[in-house]
């Protein structure tokens, strides 16, 4: 029940329009959460505390930024890692990631396959 209250109260954070007011809200929420007795919520509060400047950047951008491009790259990386599961070396995986994410051309093979 208490976790739900913390979570629902935090939803107010997204209604702020100015970084300074949002920062005051975060400071207040973090302090109240760290004084509570819910360990998982304390972990969330510490994570938010550590990333506070980055979170407040969203307000400075006035909501005009989207993380869609980053999420797309993450999905491509995860799929490439899954496909490269049988690679024998880490260098093979790194090369596959460079080629997939950077759309690099395939290197000329030193092996000749018959």
PDB file of N, CA and C in Angstrom:
ATOM      1  N   UNK A   1       0.824  -1.188   0.000  1.00  0.00           N
ATOM      2  CA  UNK A   1       0.000   0.000   0.000  1.00  0.00           C
ATOM      3  C   UNK A   1       0.870   1.256   0.000  1.00  0.00           C
ATOM      4  N   UNK A   2       1.891   1.271   0.847  1.00  0.00           N
ATOM      5  CA  UNK A   2       2.740   2.449   0.946  1.00  0.00           C
ATOM      6  C   UNK A   2       3.509   2.672  -0.362  1.00  0.00           C
ATOM      7  N   UNK A   3       3.917   1.572  -1.011  1.00  0.00           N
ATOM      8  CA  UNK A   3       4.634   1.678  -2.277  1.00  0.00           C
ATOM      9  C   UNK A   3       3.747   2.342  -3.325  1.00  0.00           C
ATOM     10  N   UNK A   4       2.470   1.961  -3.346  1.00  0.00           N
ATOM     11  CA  UNK A   4       1.524   2.550  -4.290  1.00  0.00           C
ATOM     12  C   UNK A   4       1.359   4.043  -4.031  1.00  0.00           C
ATOM     13  N   UNK A   5       1.334   4.431  -2.760  1.00  0.00           N
ATOM     14  CA  UNK A   5       1.214   5.846  -2.429  1.00  0.00           C
ATOM     15  C   UNK A   5       2.419   6.637  -2.933  1.00  0.00           C
ATOM     16  N   UNK A   6       3.621   6.093  -2.736  1.00  0.00           N
ATOM     17  CA  UNK A   6       4.830   6.763  -3.224  1.00  0.00           C
ATOM     18  C   UNK A   6       4.789   6.884  -4.742  1.00  0.00           C
ATOM     19  N   UNK A   7       4.404   5.795  -5.388  1.00  0.00           N
ATOM     20  CA  UNK A   7       4.366   5.780  -6.844  1.00  0.00           C
ATOM     21  C   UNK A   7       3.332   6.768  -7.377  1.00  0.00           C
ATOM     22  N   UNK A   8       2.135   6.767  -6.802  1.00  0.00           N
ATOM     23  CA  UNK A   8       1.081   7.680  -7.256  1.00  0.00           C
ATOM     24  C   UNK A   8       1.450   9.135  -6.985  1.00  0.00           C
ATOM     25  N   UNK A   9       2.065   9.394  -5.851  1.00  0.00           N
ATOM     26  CA  UNK A   9       2.486  10.753  -5.525  1.00  0.00           C
ATOM     27  C   UNK A   9       3.541  11.229  -6.521  1.00  0.00           C
ATOM     28  N   UNK A  10       4.405  10.314  -6.943  1.00  0.00           N
ATOM     29  CA  UNK A  10       5.461  10.682  -7.894  1.00  0.00           C
ATOM     30  C   UNK A  10       4.886  11.087  -9.244  1.00  0.00           C
ATOM     31  N   UNK A  11       3.712  10.600  -9.601  1.00  0.00           N
ATOM     32  CA  UNK A  11       3.101  10.958 -10.888  1.00  0.00           C
ATOM     33  C   UNK A  11       2.896  12.468 -11.020  1.00  0.00           C
ATOM     34  N   UNK A  12       2.792  13.175  -9.907  1.00  0.00           N
ATOM     35  CA  UNK A  12       2.666  14.638  -9.941  1.00  0.00           C
ATOM     36  C   UNK A  12       3.885  15.293 -10.575  1.00  0.00           C
ATOM     37  N   UNK A  13       5.009  14.616 -10.492  1.00  0.00           N
ATOM     38  CA  UNK A  13       6.265  15.141 -11.027  1.00  0.00           C
ATOM     39  C   UNK A  13       6.109  15.557 -12.492  1.00  0.00           C
ATOM     40  N   UNK A  14       5.374  14.765 -13.273  1.00  0.00           N
ATOM     41  CA  UNK A  14       5.256  15.021 -14.709  1.00  0.00           C
ATOM     42  C   UNK A  14       4.337  16.196 -15.031  1.00  0.00           C
ATOM     43  N   UNK A  15       3.650  16.745 -14.044  1.00  0.00           N
ATOM     44  CA  UNK A  15       2.763  17.870 -14.298  1.00  0.00           C
ATOM     45  C   UNK A  15       3.489  19.221 -14.214  1.00  0.00           C
ATOM     46  N   UNK A  16       4.727  19.223 -13.747  1.00  0.00           N
ATOM     47  CA  UNK A  16       5.475  20.476 -13.644  1.00  0.00           C
ATOM     48  C   UNK A  16       5.946  20.941 -15.012  1.00  0.00           C
ATOM     49  N   UNK A  17       6.082  22.264 -15.153  1.00  0.00           N
ATOM     50  CA  UNK A  17       6.507  22.842 -16.425  1.00  0.00           C
ATOM     51  C   UNK A  17       7.903  23.461 -16.354  1.00  0.00           C
ATOM     52  N   UNK A  18       8.386  23.689 -15.154  1.00  0.00           N
ATOM     53  CA  UNK A  18       9.690  24.349 -14.989  1.00  0.00           C
ATOM     54  C   UNK A  18      10.658  23.414 -14.263  1.00  0.00           C
ATOM     55  N   UNK A  19      11.907  23.375 -14.725  1.00  0.00           N
ATOM     56  CA  UNK A  19      12.901  22.501 -14.098  1.00  0.00           C
ATOM     57  C   UNK A  19      13.111  22.788 -12.613  1.00  0.00           C
ATOM     58  N   UNK A  20      13.062  24.057 -12.211  1.00  0.00           N
ATOM     59  CA  UNK A  20      13.326  24.377 -10.804  1.00  0.00           C
ATOM     60  C   UNK A  20      12.234  23.792  -9.898  1.00  0.00           C
ATOM     61  N   UNK A  21      10.966  23.930 -10.310  1.00  0.00           N
ATOM     62  CA  UNK A  21       9.877  23.370  -9.497  1.00  0.00           C
ATOM     63  C   UNK A  21       9.927  21.848  -9.501  1.00  0.00           C
ATOM     64  N   UNK A  22      10.244  21.274 -10.637  1.00  0.00           N
ATOM     65  CA  UNK A  22      10.370  19.815 -10.706  1.00  0.00           C
ATOM     66  C   UNK A  22      11.527  19.345  -9.820  1.00  0.00           C
ATOM     67  N   UNK A  23      12.611  20.115  -9.793  1.00  0.00           N
ATOM     68  CA  UNK A  23      13.747  19.773  -8.930  1.00  0.00           C
ATOM     69  C   UNK A  23      13.384  19.821  -7.457  1.00  0.00           C
ATOM     70  N   UNK A  24      12.612  20.827  -7.057  1.00  0.00           N
ATOM     71  CA  UNK A  24      12.156  20.905  -5.663  1.00  0.00           C
ATOM     72  C   UNK A  24      11.263  19.719  -5.324  1.00  0.00           C
ATOM     73  N   UNK A  25      10.391  19.368  -6.251  1.00  0.00           N
ATOM     74  CA  UNK A  25       9.524  18.214  -6.018  1.00  0.00           C
ATOM     75  C   UNK A  25      10.366  16.953  -5.845  1.00  0.00           C
ATOM     76  N   UNK A  26      11.348  16.754  -6.739  1.00  0.00           N
ATOM     77  CA  UNK A  26      12.204  15.562  -6.640  1.00  0.00           C
ATOM     78  C   UNK A  26      12.942  15.516  -5.311  1.00  0.00           C
ATOM     79  N   UNK A  27      13.496  16.643  -4.892  1.00  0.00           N
ATOM     80  CA  UNK A  27      14.210  16.678  -3.613  1.00  0.00           C
ATOM     81  C   UNK A  27      13.286  16.268  -2.468  1.00  0.00           C
ATOM     82  N   UNK A  28      12.081  16.805  -2.471  1.00  0.00           N
ATOM     83  CA  UNK A  28      11.105  16.492  -1.433  1.00  0.00           C
ATOM     84  C   UNK A  28      10.716  15.010  -1.479  1.00  0.00           C
ATOM     85  N   UNK A  29      10.454  14.506  -2.678  1.00  0.00           N
ATOM     86  CA  UNK A  29      10.042  13.107  -2.821  1.00  0.00           C
ATOM     87  C   UNK A  29      11.159  12.158  -2.397  1.00  0.00           C
ATOM     88  N   UNK A  30      12.377  12.470  -2.798  1.00  0.00           N
ATOM     89  CA  UNK A  30      13.524  11.624  -2.442  1.00  0.00           C
ATOM     90  C   UNK A  30      13.709  11.600  -0.931  1.00  0.00           C
ATOM     91  N   UNK A  31      13.635  12.771  -0.276  1.00  0.00           N
ATOM     92  CA  UNK A  31      13.801  12.844   1.178  1.00  0.00           C
ATOM     93  C   UNK A  31      12.734  12.020   1.888  1.00  0.00           C
ATOM     94  N   UNK A  32      11.476  12.188   1.480  1.00  0.00           N
ATOM     95  CA  UNK A  32      10.385  11.448   2.116  1.00  0.00           C
ATOM     96  C   UNK A  32      10.529   9.941   1.897  1.00  0.00           C
ATOM     97  N   UNK A  33      10.950   9.562   0.711  1.00  0.00           N
ATOM     98  CA  UNK A  33      11.085   8.138   0.392  1.00  0.00           C
ATOM     99  C   UNK A  33      12.235   7.508   1.165  1.00  0.00           C
ATOM    100  N   UNK A  34      13.352   8.219   1.266  1.00  0.00           N
ATOM    101  CA  UNK A  34      14.500   7.675   2.000  1.00  0.00           C
ATOM    102  C   UNK A  34      14.241   7.584   3.501  1.00  0.00           C
ATOM    103  N   UNK A  35      13.306   8.375   4.013  1.00  0.00           N
ATOM    104  CA  UNK A  35      12.953   8.287   5.431  1.00  0.00           C
ATOM    105  C   UNK A  35      11.970   7.153   5.709  1.00  0.00           C
ATOM    106  N   UNK A  36      11.392   6.598   4.657  1.00  0.00           N
ATOM    107  CA  UNK A  36      10.444   5.495   4.829  1.00  0.00           C
ATOM    108  C   UNK A  36      11.155   4.191   5.101  1.00  0.00           C
ATOM    109  N   UNK A  37      10.384   3.117   5.123  1.00  0.00           N
ATOM    110  CA  UNK A  37      10.964   1.815   5.452  1.00  0.00           C
ATOM    111  C   UNK A  37      10.867   0.818   4.298  1.00  0.00           C
ATOM    112  N   UNK A  38      10.580   1.281   3.095  1.00  0.00           N
ATOM    113  CA  UNK A  38      10.499   0.396   1.935  1.00  0.00           C
ATOM    114  C   UNK A  38      11.834   0.399   1.180  1.00  0.00           C
ATOM    115  N   UNK A  39      12.560  -0.692   1.307  1.00  0.00           N
ATOM    116  CA  UNK A  39      13.881  -0.783   0.686  1.00  0.00           C
ATOM    117  C   UNK A  39      13.834  -0.649  -0.837  1.00  0.00           C
ATOM    118  N   UNK A  40      12.878  -1.302  -1.541  1.00  0.00           N
ATOM    119  CA  UNK A  40      12.856  -1.128  -2.998  1.00  0.00           C
ATOM    120  C   UNK A  40      12.628   0.328  -3.412  1.00  0.00           C
ATOM    121  N   UNK A  41      11.800   1.045  -2.678  1.00  0.00           N
ATOM    122  CA  UNK A  41      11.550   2.446  -2.993  1.00  0.00           C
ATOM    123  C   UNK A  41      12.773   3.303  -2.672  1.00  0.00           C
ATOM    124  N   UNK A  42      13.534   2.907  -1.659  1.00  0.00           N
ATOM    125  CA  UNK A  42      14.765   3.625  -1.346  1.00  0.00           C
ATOM    126  C   UNK A  42      15.772   3.479  -2.490  1.00  0.00           C
ATOM    127  N   UNK A  43      15.805   2.297  -3.095  1.00  0.00           N
ATOM    128  CA  UNK A  43      16.693   2.078  -4.240  1.00  0.00           C
ATOM    129  C   UNK A  43      16.285   2.962  -5.406  1.00  0.00           C
ATOM    130  N   UNK A  44      14.969   3.048  -5.646  1.00  0.00           N
ATOM    131  CA  UNK A  44      14.464   3.918  -6.714  1.00  0.00           C
ATOM    132  C   UNK A  44      14.831   5.369  -6.414  1.00  0.00           C
ATOM    133  N   UNK A  45      14.641   5.795  -5.180  1.00  0.00           N
ATOM    134  CA  UNK A  45      14.948   7.175  -4.795  1.00  0.00           C
ATOM    135  C   UNK A  45      16.432   7.479  -4.988  1.00  0.00           C
ATOM    136  N   UNK A  46      17.296   6.542  -4.635  1.00  0.00           N
ATOM    137  CA  UNK A  46      18.735   6.760  -4.818  1.00  0.00           C
ATOM    138  C   UNK A  46      19.095   6.830  -6.301  1.00  0.00           C
ATOM    139  N   UNK A  47      18.464   6.000  -7.110  1.00  0.00           N
ATOM    140  CA  UNK A  47      18.713   6.034  -8.554  1.00  0.00           C
ATOM    141  C   UNK A  47      18.287   7.377  -9.125  1.00  0.00           C
ATOM    142  N   UNK A  48      17.101   7.849  -8.721  1.00  0.00           N
ATOM    143  CA  UNK A  48      16.621   9.146  -9.200  1.00  0.00           C
ATOM    144  C   UNK A  48      17.541  10.263  -8.718  1.00  0.00           C
ATOM    145  N   UNK A  49      17.997  10.152  -7.489  1.00  0.00           N
ATOM    146  CA  UNK A  49      18.903  11.163  -6.936  1.00  0.00           C
ATOM    147  C   UNK A  49      20.199  11.236  -7.750  1.00  0.00           C
ATOM    148  N   UNK A  50      20.720  10.072  -8.131  1.00  0.00           N
ATOM    149  CA  UNK A  50      21.963  10.024  -8.900  1.00  0.00           C
ATOM    150  C   UNK A  50      21.790  10.548 -10.327  1.00  0.00           C
ATOM    151  N   UNK A  51      20.581  10.447 -10.864  1.00  0.00           N
ATOM    152  CA  UNK A  51      20.325  10.849 -12.248  1.00  0.00           C
ATOM    153  C   UNK A  51      19.489  12.128 -12.350  1.00  0.00           C
ATOM    154  N   UNK A  52      19.362  12.836 -11.264  1.00  0.00           N
ATOM    155  CA  UNK A  52      18.486  14.012 -11.219  1.00  0.00           C
ATOM    156  C   UNK A  52      18.793  15.036 -12.316  1.00  0.00           C
ATOM    157  N   UNK A  53      20.055  15.420 -12.548  1.00  0.00           N
ATOM    158  CA  UNK A  53      20.309  16.407 -13.609  1.00  0.00           C
ATOM    159  C   UNK A  53      19.834  15.931 -14.986  1.00  0.00           C
ATOM    160  N   UNK A  54      20.018  14.652 -15.263  1.00  0.00           N
ATOM    161  CA  UNK A  54      19.580  14.120 -16.552  1.00  0.00           C
ATOM    162  C   UNK A  54      18.060  14.098 -16.656  1.00  0.00           C
ATOM    163  N   UNK A  55      17.395  13.791 -15.568  1.00  0.00           N
ATOM    164  CA  UNK A  55      15.934  13.779 -15.560  1.00  0.00           C
ATOM    165  C   UNK A  55      15.396  15.186 -15.774  1.00  0.00           C
ATOM    166  N   UNK A  56      15.996  16.157 -15.139  1.00  0.00           N
ATOM    167  CA  UNK A  56      15.537  17.539 -15.275  1.00  0.00           C
ATOM    168  C   UNK A  56      15.818  18.111 -16.662  1.00  0.00           C
ATOM    169  N   UNK A  57      16.738  17.512 -17.404  1.00  0.00           N
ATOM    170  CA  UNK A  57      16.981  17.942 -18.779  1.00  0.00           C
ATOM    171  C   UNK A  57      15.732  17.792 -19.646  1.00  0.00           C
ATOM    172  N   UNK A  58      14.877  16.845 -19.303  1.00  0.00           N
ATOM    173  CA  UNK A  58      13.632  16.657 -20.048  1.00  0.00           C
ATOM    174  C   UNK A  58      12.784  17.919 -19.964  1.00  0.00           C
ATOM    175  N   UNK A  59      12.757  18.548 -18.801  1.00  0.00           N
ATOM    176  CA  UNK A  59      11.984  19.777 -18.640  1.00  0.00           C
ATOM    177  C   UNK A  59      12.626  20.934 -19.403  1.00  0.00           C
ATOM    178  N   UNK A  60      13.946  20.961 -19.425  1.00  0.00           N
ATOM    179  CA  UNK A  60      14.632  22.015 -20.163  1.00  0.00           C
ATOM    180  C   UNK A  60      14.350  21.907 -21.662  1.00  0.00           C
ATOM    181  N   UNK A  61      14.178  20.692 -22.144  1.00  0.00           N
ATOM    182  CA  UNK A  61      13.856  20.476 -23.558  1.00  0.00           C
ATOM    183  C   UNK A  61      12.367  20.642 -23.817  1.00  0.00           C
ATOM    184  N   UNK A  62      11.597  20.873 -22.788  1.00  0.00           N
ATOM    185  CA  UNK A  62      10.151  21.091 -22.852  1.00  0.00           C
ATOM    186  C   UNK A  62       9.422  19.942 -23.539  1.00  0.00           C
ATOM    187  N   UNK A  63       9.899  18.737 -23.313  1.00  0.00           N
ATOM    188  CA  UNK A  63       9.217  17.554 -23.824  1.00  0.00           C
ATOM    189  C   UNK A  63       9.358  17.343 -25.315  1.00  0.00           C
ATOM    190  N   UNK A  64      10.272  18.053 -25.965  1.00  0.00           N
ATOM    191  CA  UNK A  64      10.419  17.938 -27.413  1.00  0.00           C
ATOM    192  C   UNK A  64      11.318  16.791 -27.829  1.00  0.00           C
ATOM    193  N   UNK A  65      11.948  16.127 -26.891  1.00  0.00           N
ATOM    194  CA  UNK A  65      12.855  15.032 -27.218  1.00  0.00           C
ATOM    195  C   UNK A  65      12.163  13.693 -27.057  1.00  0.00           C
ATOM    196  N   UNK A  66      12.539  12.784 -27.918  1.00  0.00           N
ATOM    197  CA  UNK A  66      12.003  11.433 -27.849  1.00  0.00           C
ATOM    198  C   UNK A  66      13.177  10.463 -27.763  1.00  0.00           C
ATOM    199  N   UNK A  67      12.988   9.402 -27.046  1.00  0.00           N
ATOM    200  CA  UNK A  67      14.051   8.394 -26.933  1.00  0.00           C
ATOM    201  C   UNK A  67      13.862   7.289 -27.963  1.00  0.00           C
ATOM    202  N   UNK A  68      13.045   7.526 -28.965  1.00  0.00           N
ATOM    203  CA  UNK A  68      12.763   6.510 -29.980  1.00  0.00           C
ATOM    204  C   UNK A  68      14.003   6.026 -30.707  1.00  0.00           C
ATOM    205  N   UNK A  69      14.886   6.949 -31.085  1.00  0.00           N
ATOM    206  CA  UNK A  69      16.095   6.554 -31.813  1.00  0.00           C
ATOM    207  C   UNK A  69      16.995   5.682 -30.951  1.00  0.00           C
ATOM    208  N   UNK A  70      17.142   6.044 -29.700  1.00  0.00           N
ATOM    209  CA  UNK A  70      17.979   5.256 -28.788  1.00  0.00           C
ATOM    210  C   UNK A  70      17.363   3.873 -28.570  1.00  0.00           C
ATOM    211  N   UNK A  71      16.047   3.830 -28.387  1.00  0.00           N
ATOM    212  CA  UNK A  71      15.373   2.546 -28.195  1.00  0.00           C
ATOM    213  C   UNK A  71      15.531   1.670 -29.429  1.00  0.00           C
ATOM    214  N   UNK A  72      15.499   2.284 -30.610  1.00  0.00           N
ATOM    215  CA  UNK A  72      15.702   1.524 -31.847  1.00  0.00           C
ATOM    216  C   UNK A  72      17.087   0.919 -31.914  1.00  0.00           C
ATOM    217  N   UNK A  73      18.101   1.707 -31.529  1.00  0.00           N
ATOM    218  CA  UNK A  73      19.469   1.178 -31.516  1.00  0.00           C
ATOM    219  C   UNK A  73      19.620   0.064 -30.481  1.00  0.00           C
ATOM    220  N   UNK A  74      18.981   0.227 -29.320  1.00  0.00           N
ATOM    221  CA  UNK A  74      19.041  -0.822 -28.303  1.00  0.00           C
ATOM    222  C   UNK A  74      18.436  -2.113 -28.819  1.00  0.00           C
ATOM    223  N   UNK A  75      17.307  -2.011 -29.524  1.00  0.00           N
ATOM    224  CA  UNK A  75      16.657  -3.204 -30.070  1.00  0.00           C
ATOM    225  C   UNK A  75      17.556  -3.882 -31.091  1.00  0.00           C
ATOM    226  N   UNK A  76      18.182  -3.088 -31.990  1.00  0.00           N
ATOM    227  CA  UNK A  76      19.094  -3.659 -32.978  1.00  0.00           C
ATOM    228  C   UNK A  76      20.266  -4.358 -32.294  1.00  0.00           C
ATOM    229  N   UNK A  77      20.808  -3.727 -31.243  1.00  0.00           N
ATOM    230  CA  UNK A  77      21.939  -4.320 -30.532  1.00  0.00           C
ATOM    231  C   UNK A  77      21.529  -5.637 -29.872  1.00  0.00           C
ATOM    232  N   UNK A  78      20.350  -5.666 -29.243  1.00  0.00           N
ATOM    233  CA  UNK A  78      19.894  -6.897 -28.592  1.00  0.00           C
ATOM    234  C   UNK A  78      19.685  -8.019 -29.601  1.00  0.00           C
ATOM    235  N   UNK A  79      19.105  -7.690 -30.757  1.00  0.00           N
ATOM    236  CA  UNK A  79      18.888  -8.712 -31.785  1.00  0.00           C
ATOM    237  C   UNK A  79      20.214  -9.229 -32.332  1.00  0.00           C
ATOM    238  N   UNK A  80      21.174  -8.333 -32.513  1.00  0.00           N
ATOM    239  CA  UNK A  80      22.489  -8.750 -33.008  1.00  0.00           C
ATOM    240  C   UNK A  80      23.187  -9.648 -31.991  1.00  0.00           C
ATOM    241  N   UNK A  81      23.091  -9.296 -30.720  1.00  0.00           N
ATOM    242  CA  UNK A  81      23.707 -10.117 -29.678  1.00  0.00           C
ATOM    243  C   UNK A  81      23.056 -11.499 -29.649  1.00  0.00           C
ATOM    244  N   UNK A  82      21.751 -11.531 -29.827  1.00  0.00           N
ATOM    245  CA  UNK A  82      21.045 -12.817 -29.833  1.00  0.00           C
ATOM    246  C   UNK A  82      21.484 -13.671 -31.026  1.00  0.00           C
ATOM    247  N   UNK A  83      21.631 -13.046 -32.187  1.00  0.00           N
ATOM    248  CA  UNK A  83      22.069 -13.780 -33.381  1.00  0.00           C
ATOM    249  C   UNK A  83      23.514 -14.248 -33.237  1.00  0.00           C
ATOM    250  N   UNK A  84      24.325 -13.475 -32.524  1.00  0.00           N
ATOM    251  CA  UNK A  84      25.751 -13.778 -32.391  1.00  0.00           C
ATOM    252  C   UNK A  84      26.037 -14.683 -31.203  1.00  0.00           C
ATOM    253  N   UNK A  85      25.022 -15.322 -30.678  1.00  0.00           N
ATOM    254  CA  UNK A  85      25.192 -16.157 -29.482  1.00  0.00           C
ATOM    255  C   UNK A  85      26.228 -17.254 -29.695  1.00  0.00           C
ATOM    256  N   UNK A  86      26.316 -17.782 -30.912  1.00  0.00           N
ATOM    257  CA  UNK A  86      27.232 -18.907 -31.150  1.00  0.00           C
ATOM    258  C   UNK A  86      28.634 -18.461 -31.565  1.00  0.00           C
ATOM    259  N   UNK A  87      28.891 -17.169 -31.596  1.00  0.00           N
ATOM    260  CA  UNK A  87      30.234 -16.714 -31.954  1.00  0.00           C
ATOM    261  C   UNK A  87      31.221 -17.192 -30.897  1.00  0.00           C
ATOM    262  N   UNK A  88      32.396 -17.508 -31.347  1.00  0.00           N
ATOM    263  CA  UNK A  88      33.395 -18.061 -30.429  1.00  0.00           C
ATOM    264  C   UNK A  88      34.184 -16.993 -29.678  1.00  0.00           C
ATOM    265  N   UNK A  89      34.289 -15.830 -30.249  1.00  0.00           N
ATOM    266  CA  UNK A  89      35.097 -14.787 -29.607  1.00  0.00           C
ATOM    267  C   UNK A  89      34.282 -13.519 -29.412  1.00  0.00           C
ATOM    268  N   UNK A  90      34.723 -12.718 -28.474  1.00  0.00           N
ATOM    269  CA  UNK A  90      34.093 -11.429 -28.221  1.00  0.00           C
ATOM    270  C   UNK A  90      34.316 -10.484 -29.405  1.00  0.00           C
ATOM    271  N   UNK A  91      35.454 -10.617 -30.062  1.00  0.00           N
ATOM    272  CA  UNK A  91      35.734  -9.764 -31.218  1.00  0.00           C
ATOM    273  C   UNK A  91      34.724  -9.989 -32.340  1.00  0.00           C
ATOM    274  N   UNK A  92      34.257 -11.213 -32.494  1.00  0.00           N
ATOM    275  CA  UNK A  92      33.235 -11.497 -33.501  1.00  0.00           C
ATOM    276  C   UNK A  92      31.942 -10.761 -33.196  1.00  0.00           C
ATOM    277  N   UNK A  93      31.560 -10.750 -31.926  1.00  0.00           N
ATOM    278  CA  UNK A  93      30.354 -10.034 -31.504  1.00  0.00           C
ATOM    279  C   UNK A  93      30.523  -8.526 -31.703  1.00  0.00           C
ATOM    280  N   UNK A  94      31.668  -8.007 -31.327  1.00  0.00           N
ATOM    281  CA  UNK A  94      31.922  -6.575 -31.477  1.00  0.00           C
ATOM    282  C   UNK A  94      31.861  -6.183 -32.953  1.00  0.00           C
ATOM    283  N   UNK A  95      32.448  -6.995 -33.815  1.00  0.00           N
ATOM    284  CA  UNK A  95      32.412  -6.721 -35.255  1.00  0.00           C
ATOM    285  C   UNK A  95      30.979  -6.744 -35.767  1.00  0.00           C
ATOM    286  N   UNK A  96      30.203  -7.721 -35.322  1.00  0.00           N
ATOM    287  CA  UNK A  96      28.801  -7.815 -35.747  1.00  0.00           C
ATOM    288  C   UNK A  96      28.018  -6.579 -35.288  1.00  0.00           C
ATOM    289  N   UNK A  97      28.276  -6.113 -34.079  1.00  0.00           N
ATOM    290  CA  UNK A  97      27.597  -4.904 -33.588  1.00  0.00           C
ATOM    291  C   UNK A  97      27.990  -3.678 -34.402  1.00  0.00           C
ATOM    292  N   UNK A  98      29.278  -3.539 -34.713  1.00  0.00           N
ATOM    293  CA  UNK A  98      29.714  -2.400 -35.530  1.00  0.00           C
ATOM    294  C   UNK A  98      29.021  -2.413 -36.891  1.00  0.00           C
ATOM    295  N   UNK A  99      28.927  -3.588 -37.494  1.00  0.00           N
ATOM    296  CA  UNK A  99      28.325  -3.679 -38.821  1.00  0.00           C
ATOM    297  C   UNK A  99      26.825  -3.436 -38.786  1.00  0.00           C
ATOM    298  N   UNK A 100      26.175  -3.912 -37.766  1.00  0.00           N
ATOM    299  CA  UNK A 100      24.722  -3.727 -37.678  1.00  0.00           C
ATOM    300  C   UNK A 100      24.365  -2.298 -37.309  1.00  0.00           C
ATOM    301  N   UNK A 101      24.996  -1.757 -36.287  1.00  0.00           N
ATOM    302  CA  UNK A 101      24.627  -0.434 -35.802  1.00  0.00           C
ATOM    303  C   UNK A 101      25.217   0.694 -36.646  1.00  0.00           C
ATOM    304  N   UNK A 102      26.385   0.469 -37.199  1.00  0.00           N
ATOM    305  CA  UNK A 102      27.027   1.501 -37.990  1.00  0.00           C
ATOM    306  C   UNK A 102      26.803   1.335 -39.472  1.00  0.00           C
ATOM    307  N   UNK A 103      26.118   0.263 -39.871  1.00  0.00           N
ATOM    308  CA  UNK A 103      25.867  -0.067 -41.265  1.00  0.00           C
ATOM    309  C   UNK A 103      27.166  -0.022 -42.071  1.00  0.00           C
ATOM    310  N   UNK A 104      28.205  -0.628 -41.509  1.00  0.00           N
ATOM    311  CA  UNK A 104      29.491  -0.689 -42.181  1.00  0.00           C
ATOM    312  C   UNK A 104      29.457  -1.774 -43.251  1.00  0.00           C
ATOM    313  N   UNK A 105      30.255  -1.615 -44.298  1.00  0.00           N
ATOM    314  CA  UNK A 105      30.279  -2.652 -45.336  1.00  0.00           C
ATOM    315  C   UNK A 105      30.942  -3.921 -44.806  1.00  0.00           C
ATOM    316  N   UNK A 106      30.574  -5.031 -45.383  1.00  0.00           N
ATOM    317  CA  UNK A 106      31.176  -6.310 -45.001  1.00  0.00           C
ATOM    318  C   UNK A 106      32.634  -6.324 -45.433  1.00  0.00           C
ATOM    319  N   UNK A 107      33.543  -6.775 -44.566  1.00  0.00           N
ATOM    320  CA  UNK A 107      34.948  -6.828 -44.952  1.00  0.00           C
ATOM    321  C   UNK A 107      35.178  -7.969 -45.970  1.00  0.00           C
ATOM    322  N   UNK A 108      36.201  -7.766 -46.778  1.00  0.00           N
ATOM    323  CA  UNK A 108      36.552  -8.853 -47.699  1.00  0.00           C
ATOM    324  C   UNK A 108      37.105 -10.000 -46.884  1.00  0.00           C
ATOM    325  N   UNK A 109      36.625 -11.165 -47.144  1.00  0.00           N
ATOM    326  CA  UNK A 109      37.021 -12.325 -46.361  1.00  0.00           C
ATOM    327  C   UNK A 109      38.400 -12.797 -46.784  1.00  0.00           C
ATOM    328  N   UNK A 110      39.199 -13.216 -45.826  1.00  0.00           N
ATOM    329  CA  UNK A 110      40.498 -13.759 -46.139  1.00  0.00           C
ATOM    330  C   UNK A 110      40.383 -15.254 -46.452  1.00  0.00           C
ATOM    331  N   UNK A 111      39.197 -15.790 -46.179  1.00  0.00           N
ATOM    332  CA  UNK A 111      38.964 -17.203 -46.462  1.00  0.00           C
ATOM    333  C   UNK A 111      38.264 -17.352 -47.796  1.00  0.00           C
ATOM    334  N   UNK A 112      38.589 -18.410 -48.463  1.00  0.00           N
ATOM    335  CA  UNK A 112      37.897 -18.721 -49.717  1.00  0.00           C
ATOM    336  C   UNK A 112      37.043 -19.949 -49.444  1.00  0.00           C
ATOM    337  N   UNK A 113      35.783 -19.778 -49.642  1.00  0.00           N
ATOM    338  CA  UNK A 113      34.868 -20.888 -49.437  1.00  0.00           C
ATOM    339  C   UNK A 113      34.579 -21.528 -50.785  1.00  0.00           C
ATOM    340  N   UNK A 114      34.681 -22.835 -50.830  1.00  0.00           N
ATOM    341  CA  UNK A 114      34.455 -23.547 -52.093  1.00  0.00           C
ATOM    342  C   UNK A 114      32.999 -23.935 -52.239  1.00  0.00           C
TER     343      UNK A 114
END
